[in-house]
C-alpha atoms as a PDB file:
ATOM      1  CA  MET A   1       9.998  10.736  11.275  1.00  0.00           C
ATOM      2  CA  PRO A   2       8.755  11.209   8.220  1.00  0.00           C
ATOM      3  CA  ARG A   3       5.145  12.184   7.543  1.00  0.00           C
ATOM      4  CA  PRO A   4       3.748  10.312   4.511  1.00  0.00           C
ATOM      5  CA  ALA A   5       1.071  11.834   2.588  1.00  0.00           C
ATOM      6  CA  THR A   6      -0.770   8.690   1.074  1.00  0.00           C
ATOM      7  CA  ALA A   7      -2.402   5.708   3.069  1.00  0.00           C
ATOM      8  CA  THR A   8      -0.586   3.263   1.110  1.00  0.00           C
ATOM      9  CA  ALA A   9       2.766   5.250   2.254  1.00  0.00           C
ATOM     10  CA  ARG A  10       1.398   5.383   5.738  1.00  0.00           C
ATOM     11  CA  SER A  11       0.215   1.663   5.566  1.00  0.00           C
ATOM     12  CA  ASN A  12       4.169   0.577   4.618  1.00  0.00           C
ATOM     13  CA  LEU A  13       5.354   3.079   6.991  1.00  0.00           C
ATOM     14  CA  LEU A  14       3.798   1.377  10.193  1.00  0.00           C
ATOM     15  CA  GLY A  15       5.004  -2.033   8.991  1.00  0.00           C
ATOM     16  CA  LEU A  16       1.581  -4.025   9.882  1.00  0.00           C
ATOM     17  CA  GLU A  17       1.305  -7.338   7.636  1.00  0.00           C
ATOM     18  CA  PRO A  18      -1.264  -6.552   5.148  1.00  0.00           C
ATOM     19  CA  ARG A  19      -4.561  -8.254   6.630  1.00  0.00           C
ATOM     20  CA  LEU A  20      -3.760  -6.481  10.196  1.00  0.00           C
ATOM     21  CA  ALA A  21      -3.128  -3.213   8.134  1.00  0.00           C
ATOM     22  CA  ALA A  22      -6.344  -3.903   5.985  1.00  0.00           C
ATOM     23  CA  ARG A  23      -8.311  -4.234   9.056  1.00  0.00           C
ATOM     24  CA  LEU A  24      -7.343  -0.598  10.327  1.00  0.00           C
ATOM     25  CA  ALA A  25      -7.738   0.807   6.870  1.00  0.00           C
ATOM     26  CA  LYS A  26     -11.221   0.048   6.993  1.00  0.00           C
ATOM     27  CA  LEU A  27     -11.763   2.429  10.058  1.00  0.00           C
ATOM     28  CA  LYS A  28     -12.280   5.887   8.712  1.00  0.00           C
ATOM     29  CA  THR A  29     -14.020   8.009  11.811  1.00  0.00           C
ATOM     30  CA  PRO A  30     -13.394   8.537  15.391  1.00  0.00           C
ATOM     31  CA  GLY A  31     -16.477   6.592  16.114  1.00  0.00           C
ATOM     32  CA  SER A  32     -15.786   3.615  13.967  1.00  0.00           C
ATOM     33  CA  ILE A  33     -12.464   3.706  15.513  1.00  0.00           C
ATOM     34  CA  GLN A  34     -13.849   3.487  19.079  1.00  0.00           C
ATOM     35  CA  ASP A  35     -16.326   1.072  18.049  1.00  0.00           C
ATOM     36  CA  PHE A  36     -13.632  -1.312  16.960  1.00  0.00           C
ATOM     37  CA  ILE A  37     -11.757  -0.977  20.246  1.00  0.00           C
ATOM     38  CA  THR A  38     -14.746  -1.601  22.156  1.00  0.00           C
ATOM     39  CA  ALA A  39     -15.199  -4.971  20.260  1.00  0.00           C
ATOM     40  CA  LEU A  40     -11.697  -5.970  21.341  1.00  0.00           C
ATOM     41  CA  ARG A  41     -11.765  -8.230  24.341  1.00  0.00           C
ATOM     42  CA  TRP A  42     -10.369  -6.671  27.801  1.00  0.00           C
ATOM     43  CA  ASN A  43      -6.882  -7.649  28.674  1.00  0.00           C
ATOM     44  CA  ALA A  44      -7.059  -8.465  32.151  1.00  0.00           C
ATOM     45  CA  GLU A  45      -3.289  -9.316  32.463  1.00  0.00           C
ATOM     46  CA  THR A  46      -3.696 -12.945  33.992  1.00  0.00           C
ATOM     47  CA  ALA A  47      -0.277 -13.727  32.874  1.00  0.00           C
ATOM     48  CA  GLY A  48       1.415 -10.625  34.317  1.00  0.00           C
ATOM     49  CA  PRO A  49       1.393  -6.834  33.087  1.00  0.00           C
ATOM     50  CA  THR A  50       1.575  -6.452  29.123  1.00  0.00           C
ATOM     51  CA  ALA A  51       1.924  -3.182  27.108  1.00  0.00           C
ATOM     52  CA  ARG A  52       1.538  -4.707  23.606  1.00  0.00           C
ATOM     53  CA  SER A  53       2.066  -3.234  20.214  1.00  0.00           C
ATOM     54  CA  VAL A  54      -0.481  -2.804  17.770  1.00  0.00           C
ATOM     55  CA  ALA A  55      -0.143  -6.001  15.583  1.00  0.00           C
ATOM     56  CA  GLU A  56       0.500  -7.969  19.093  1.00  0.00           C
ATOM     57  CA  ALA A  57      -2.984  -6.579  20.260  1.00  0.00           C
ATOM     58  CA  LEU A  58      -4.701  -7.291  17.188  1.00  0.00           C
ATOM     59  CA  ARG A  59      -3.434 -11.149  16.748  1.00  0.00           C
ATOM     60  CA  GLN A  60      -4.739 -11.508  20.231  1.00  0.00           C
ATOM     61  CA  GLY A  61      -7.727  -9.699  20.119  1.00  0.00           C
ATOM     62  CA  GLU A  62      -7.719  -8.031  23.170  1.00  0.00           C
ATOM     63  CA  ALA A  63      -6.121  -5.079  24.668  1.00  0.00           C
ATOM     64  CA  HIS A  64      -6.273  -2.489  27.951  1.00  0.00           C
ATOM     65  CA  CYS A  65      -6.102   0.829  27.949  1.00  0.00           C
ATOM     66  CA  VAL A  66      -2.754   1.877  26.585  1.00  0.00           C
ATOM     67  CA  GLU A  67      -2.784  -0.978  23.971  1.00  0.00           C
ATOM     68  CA  GLY A  68      -6.266   0.083  22.700  1.00  0.00           C
ATOM     69  CA  ALA A  69      -4.851   3.298  22.753  1.00  0.00           C
ATOM     70  CA  PHE A  70      -1.665   2.511  20.236  1.00  0.00           C
ATOM     71  CA  VAL A  71      -4.395   0.330  18.023  1.00  0.00           C
ATOM     72  CA  ALA A  72      -6.670   3.496  17.980  1.00  0.00           C
ATOM     73  CA  ALA A  73      -3.481   5.841  17.016  1.00  0.00           C
ATOM     74  CA  ALA A  74      -2.718   3.716  14.373  1.00  0.00           C
ATOM     75  CA  ALA A  75      -5.974   3.633  12.945  1.00  0.00           C
ATOM     76  CA  LEU A  76      -5.959   7.239  12.922  1.00  0.00           C
ATOM     77  CA  TRP A  77      -2.851   7.840  11.202  1.00  0.00           C
ATOM     78  CA  LEU A  78      -3.816   5.388   8.251  1.00  0.00           C
ATOM     79  CA  ALA A  79      -7.224   7.549   8.130  1.00  0.00           C
ATOM     80  CA  GLY A  80      -4.904  10.667   7.620  1.00  0.00           C
ATOM     81  CA  GLU A  81      -5.054  12.365  11.391  1.00  0.00           C
ATOM     82  CA  PRO A  82      -1.996  12.542  13.506  1.00  0.00           C
ATOM     83  CA  PRO A  83      -1.297   9.311  16.298  1.00  0.00           C
ATOM     84  CA  LEU A  84      -1.507  11.255  19.233  1.00  0.00           C
ATOM     85  CA  VAL A  85      -1.970   9.871  22.802  1.00  0.00           C
ATOM     86  CA  MET A  86      -2.266  11.319  25.975  1.00  0.00           C
ATOM     87  CA  ASP A  87      -1.741   9.744  29.798  1.00  0.00           C
ATOM     88  CA  MET A  88      -3.887  10.656  32.605  1.00  0.00           C
ATOM     89  CA  GLY A  89      -2.287  10.126  36.075  1.00  0.00           C
ATOM     90  CA  ALA A  90      -3.578   8.572  38.908  1.00  0.00           C
ATOM     91  CA  ALA A  91      -3.360   8.812  42.680  1.00  0.00           C
ATOM     92  CA  ARG A  92      -1.453   6.436  44.571  1.00  0.00           C
ATOM     93  CA  GLY A  93      -3.344   2.863  44.552  1.00  0.00           C
ATOM     94  CA  ASP A  94      -4.836   3.440  41.417  1.00  0.00           C
ATOM     95  CA  VAL A  95      -3.828   3.186  37.747  1.00  0.00           C
ATOM     96  CA  ASP A  96      -3.015   5.487  34.843  1.00  0.00           C
ATOM     97  CA  HIS A  97      -5.323   5.717  31.842  1.00  0.00           C
ATOM     98  CA  VAL A  98      -4.171   6.511  28.484  1.00  0.00           C
ATOM     99  CA  VAL A  99      -6.404   7.716  25.533  1.00  0.00           C
ATOM    100  CA  ALA A 100      -6.027   8.459  22.075  1.00  0.00           C
ATOM    101  CA  LEU A 101      -6.786  12.225  20.781  1.00  0.00           C
ATOM    102  CA  PHE A 102      -8.688  13.491  17.822  1.00  0.00           C
ATOM    103  CA  ARG A 103      -9.709  16.747  16.992  1.00  0.00           C
ATOM    104  CA  ARG A 104     -12.424  18.526  15.224  1.00  0.00           C
ATOM    105  CA  GLY A 105     -11.976  22.074  14.459  1.00  0.00           C
ATOM    106  CA  ARG A 106     -10.620  23.323  17.535  1.00  0.00           C
ATOM    107  CA  SER A 107     -12.363  20.724  19.837  1.00  0.00           C
ATOM    108  CA  TRP A 108     -10.660  17.717  21.111  1.00  0.00           C
ATOM    109  CA  GLY A 109     -12.337  14.232  21.340  1.00  0.00           C
ATOM    110  CA  ALA A 110     -10.562  11.016  22.913  1.00  0.00           C
ATOM    111  CA  ILE A 111     -11.021   7.252  21.973  1.00  0.00           C
ATOM    112  CA  SER A 112     -10.504   5.048  24.592  1.00  0.00           C
ATOM    113  CA  LYS A 113     -10.270   1.533  26.159  1.00  0.00           C
ATOM    114  CA  SER A 114     -11.517   0.839  29.467  1.00  0.00           C
ATOM    115  CA  ASN A 115     -13.748  -2.048  31.096  1.00  0.00           C
ATOM    116  CA  SER A 116     -15.678   0.664  32.925  1.00  0.00           C
ATOM    117  CA  PRO A 117     -18.696   2.287  30.965  1.00  0.00           C
ATOM    118  CA  PHE A 118     -17.843   5.776  32.342  1.00  0.00           C
ATOM    119  CA  LEU A 119     -14.244   6.195  30.664  1.00  0.00           C
ATOM    120  CA  ARG A 120     -14.682   5.412  27.325  1.00  0.00           C
ATOM    121  CA  TYR A 121     -15.415   7.411  24.149  1.00  0.00           C
ATOM    122  CA  ARG A 122     -15.822  11.366  24.250  1.00  0.00           C
ATOM    123  CA  ASP A 123     -17.065  13.658  21.680  1.00  0.00           C
ATOM    124  CA  PRO A 124     -14.934  16.069  20.065  1.00  0.00           C
ATOM    125  CA  ILE A 125     -16.462  19.092  22.300  1.00  0.00           C
ATOM    126  CA  TYR A 126     -13.487  19.672  24.748  1.00  0.00           C
ATOM    127  CA  ARG A 127     -11.810  23.169  24.265  1.00  0.00           C
ATOM    128  CA  SER A 128      -8.514  21.937  25.662  1.00  0.00           C
ATOM    129  CA  LEU A 129      -6.907  18.781  26.893  1.00  0.00           C
ATOM    130  CA  ARG A 130      -7.327  20.075  30.498  1.00  0.00           C
ATOM    131  CA  GLU A 131     -11.722  19.995  30.078  1.00  0.00           C
ATOM    132  CA  LEU A 132     -11.084  16.758  28.126  1.00  0.00           C
ATOM    133  CA  THR A 133      -9.584  15.333  31.186  1.00  0.00           C
ATOM    134  CA  LEU A 134     -12.003  16.910  33.607  1.00  0.00           C
ATOM    135  CA  SER A 135     -14.942  14.899  31.674  1.00  0.00           C
ATOM    136  CA  PHE A 136     -13.300  11.852  33.241  1.00  0.00           C
ATOM    137  CA  PHE A 137     -12.749  12.916  36.743  1.00  0.00           C
ATOM    138  CA  PRO A 138     -16.519  12.163  38.498  1.00  0.00           C
ATOM    139  CA  GLN A 139     -16.034   8.494  37.424  1.00  0.00           C
ATOM    140  CA  TYR A 140     -12.447   8.169  37.390  1.00  0.00           C
ATOM    141  CA  VAL A 141     -12.565   6.251  40.915  1.00  0.00           C
ATOM    142  CA  LYS A 142     -11.062   3.920  43.266  1.00  0.00           C
ATOM    143  CA  LYS A 143     -13.612   1.992  45.565  1.00  0.00           C
ATOM    144  CA  ARG A 144     -15.142   5.432  46.799  1.00  0.00           C
ATOM    145  CA  ARG A 145     -12.238   7.704  46.027  1.00  0.00           C
ATOM    146  CA  LYS A 146     -11.536   9.686  43.325  1.00  0.00           C
ATOM    147  CA  THR A 147      -8.660   9.378  41.943  1.00  0.00           C
ATOM    148  CA  LEU A 148      -7.431  11.254  38.638  1.00  0.00           C
ATOM    149  CA  ARG A 149      -4.641  13.593  39.295  1.00  0.00           C
ATOM    150  CA  THR A 150      -3.099  14.776  36.463  1.00  0.00           C
ATOM    151  CA  TYR A 151      -3.148  14.717  32.439  1.00  0.00           C
ATOM    152  CA  SER A 152      -0.294  14.953  29.932  1.00  0.00           C
ATOM    153  CA  VAL A 153       0.683  16.860  26.813  1.00  0.00           C
ATOM    154  CA  ALA A 154      -0.661  15.253  23.649  1.00  0.00           C
ATOM    155  CA  VAL A 155       2.026  12.662  22.543  1.00  0.00           C
ATOM    156  CA  ASP A 156       2.608  12.041  18.933  1.00  0.00           C
ATOM    157  CA  LEU A 157       3.506   8.688  18.200  1.00  0.00           C
ATOM    158  CA  ARG A 158       5.094   9.691  15.119  1.00  0.00           C
ATOM    159  CA  ARG A 159       7.965  10.711  17.091  1.00  0.00           C
ATOM    160  CA  PHE A 160       8.606   7.246  17.797  1.00  0.00           C
ATOM    161  CA  ASP A 161       9.820   4.336  15.276  1.00  0.00           C
ATOM    162  CA  PRO A 162       7.091   2.144  14.807  1.00  0.00           C
ATOM    163  CA  LYS A 163       8.914  -1.180  15.589  1.00  0.00           C
ATOM    164  CA  LEU A 164       8.715   0.278  19.224  1.00  0.00           C
ATOM    165  CA  TRP A 165       4.535   0.470  19.354  1.00  0.00           C
ATOM    166  CA  VAL A 166       3.056  -1.008  15.952  1.00  0.00           C
ATOM    167  CA  THR A 167       5.071  -4.480  15.196  1.00  0.00           C
ATOM    168  CA  HIS A 168       7.225  -4.771  18.643  1.00  0.00           C
ATOM    169  CA  ARG A 169       7.008  -8.248  20.281  1.00  0.00           C
ATOM    170  CA  GLY A 170       6.657  -8.153  24.143  1.00  0.00           C
ATOM    171  CA  PHE A 171       6.319  -4.921  26.284  1.00  0.00           C
ATOM    172  CA  CYS A 172       6.516  -1.561  24.824  1.00  0.00           C
ATOM    173  CA  HIS A 173       8.642  -0.351  26.991  1.00  0.00           C
ATOM    174  CA  GLU A 174      10.240   3.107  25.364  1.00  0.00           C
ATOM    175  CA  VAL A 175       6.878   4.345  24.373  1.00  0.00           C
ATOM    176  CA  VAL A 176       5.250   3.751  27.826  1.00  0.00           C
ATOM    177  CA  ASP A 177       8.312   5.188  29.580  1.00  0.00           C
ATOM    178  CA  ALA A 178       7.980   8.239  27.146  1.00  0.00           C
ATOM    179  CA  LEU A 179       4.071   8.575  28.142  1.00  0.00           C
ATOM    180  CA  THR A 180       4.743   8.546  31.762  1.00  0.00           C
ATOM    181  CA  GLY A 181       7.714  10.915  31.355  1.00  0.00           C
ATOM    182  CA  ALA A 182       5.573  13.474  29.200  1.00  0.00           C
ATOM    183  CA  ARG A 183       5.100  16.643  30.731  1.00  0.00           C
ATOM    184  CA  HIS A 184       1.938  16.413  33.324  1.00  0.00           C
ATOM    185  CA  PHE A 185      -0.149  18.719  34.650  1.00  0.00           C
ATOM    186  CA  SER A 186      -1.870  18.743  37.827  1.00  0.00           C
ATOM    187  CA  VAL A 187      -6.105  18.451  37.867  1.00  0.00           C
ATOM    188  CA  LEU A 188      -6.494  19.908  41.041  1.00  0.00           C
ATOM    189  CA  PRO A 189      -5.878  23.124  43.007  1.00  0.00           C
ATOM    190  CA  PRO A 190      -3.129  23.378  45.350  1.00  0.00           C
ATOM    191  CA  GLY A 191      -4.853  21.323  48.782  1.00  0.00           C
ATOM    192  CA  GLY A 192      -7.437  20.616  46.556  1.00  0.00           C
ATOM    193  CA  GLU A 193      -6.980  16.891  47.353  1.00  0.00           C
ATOM    194  CA  LYS A 194      -8.827  17.685  50.888  1.00  0.00           C
ATOM    195  CA  LEU A 195     -11.747  19.091  49.221  1.00  0.00           C
ATOM    196  CA  LEU A 196     -13.021  16.007  47.625  1.00  0.00           C
ATOM    197  CA  ARG A 197     -15.973  14.410  48.477  1.00  0.00           C
ATOM    198  CA  PRO A 198     -16.181  10.688  48.355  1.00  0.00           C
ATOM    199  CA  ILE A 199     -18.625   9.254  45.848  1.00  0.00           C
ATOM    200  CA  ASP A 200     -21.928   8.559  47.333  1.00  0.00           C
ATOM    201  CA  GLU A 201     -23.332   4.728  47.818  1.00  0.00           C
ATOM    202  CA  ILE A 202     -25.019   4.422  44.757  1.00  0.00           C
ATOM    203  CA  GLU A 203     -22.313   6.243  42.727  1.00  0.00           C
ATOM    204  CA  ALA A 204     -20.131   3.366  44.388  1.00  0.00           C
ATOM    205  CA  ARG A 205     -22.742   0.831  43.236  1.00  0.00           C
ATOM    206  CA  SER A 206     -22.564   2.024  39.650  1.00  0.00           C
ATOM    207  CA  ASN A 207     -19.000   2.234  39.173  1.00  0.00           C
ATOM    208  CA  MET A 208     -18.822  -1.534  39.819  1.00  0.00           C
ATOM    209  CA  LEU A 209     -20.189  -2.026  36.496  1.00  0.00           C
ATOM    210  CA  ARG A 210     -17.647  -4.142  34.187  1.00  0.00           C
ATOM    211  CA  GLU A 211     -18.089  -5.453  30.846  1.00  0.00           C
ATOM    212  CA  TYR A 212     -15.713  -7.967  31.824  1.00  0.00           C
ATOM    213  CA  GLU A 213     -15.229  -9.503  35.140  1.00  0.00           C
END
């Protein structure tokens, strides 16, 4: 996929209609992109599973994690940064989480759409993707069980035709499959699951905090 140097060329390559592209083009920093992602309503998938493209998420005004990551990645690309995303894999019974990645110097940060207040933005202070992923570990919980198990390599969405994740109508199967199929690394050492302590009662109560029901 070509890597155009100007914002106008990048906008044209994305294929977004001008009014949608203009909304994202105003976002110049990871912090402003996170604020924009946070302001989108939470997509509770009441009509069934979705993996909406950037255009569809913006039209609906709502997103869940992978949809928010797509929007954030597109905004980063328009701002002149690579559109990188990372999949974090969960234990059976819980769901994966996808974040958009950015770097400042040699340090990684993340933009994240989550209904939980604990799985959102990460400042660019982490020396590796593993270190960044581990910052999510204590609050990545299903009931009282800590469920974060793997993290992927950084996936550059410039590898994919924007028609597959920016303007696609329907479920973005091809890109989602590529994310889940990307090389993943274990968070836990061998036998580490047996060493995990369930969160205690007050942690469990705090973990029930949600922005949307």
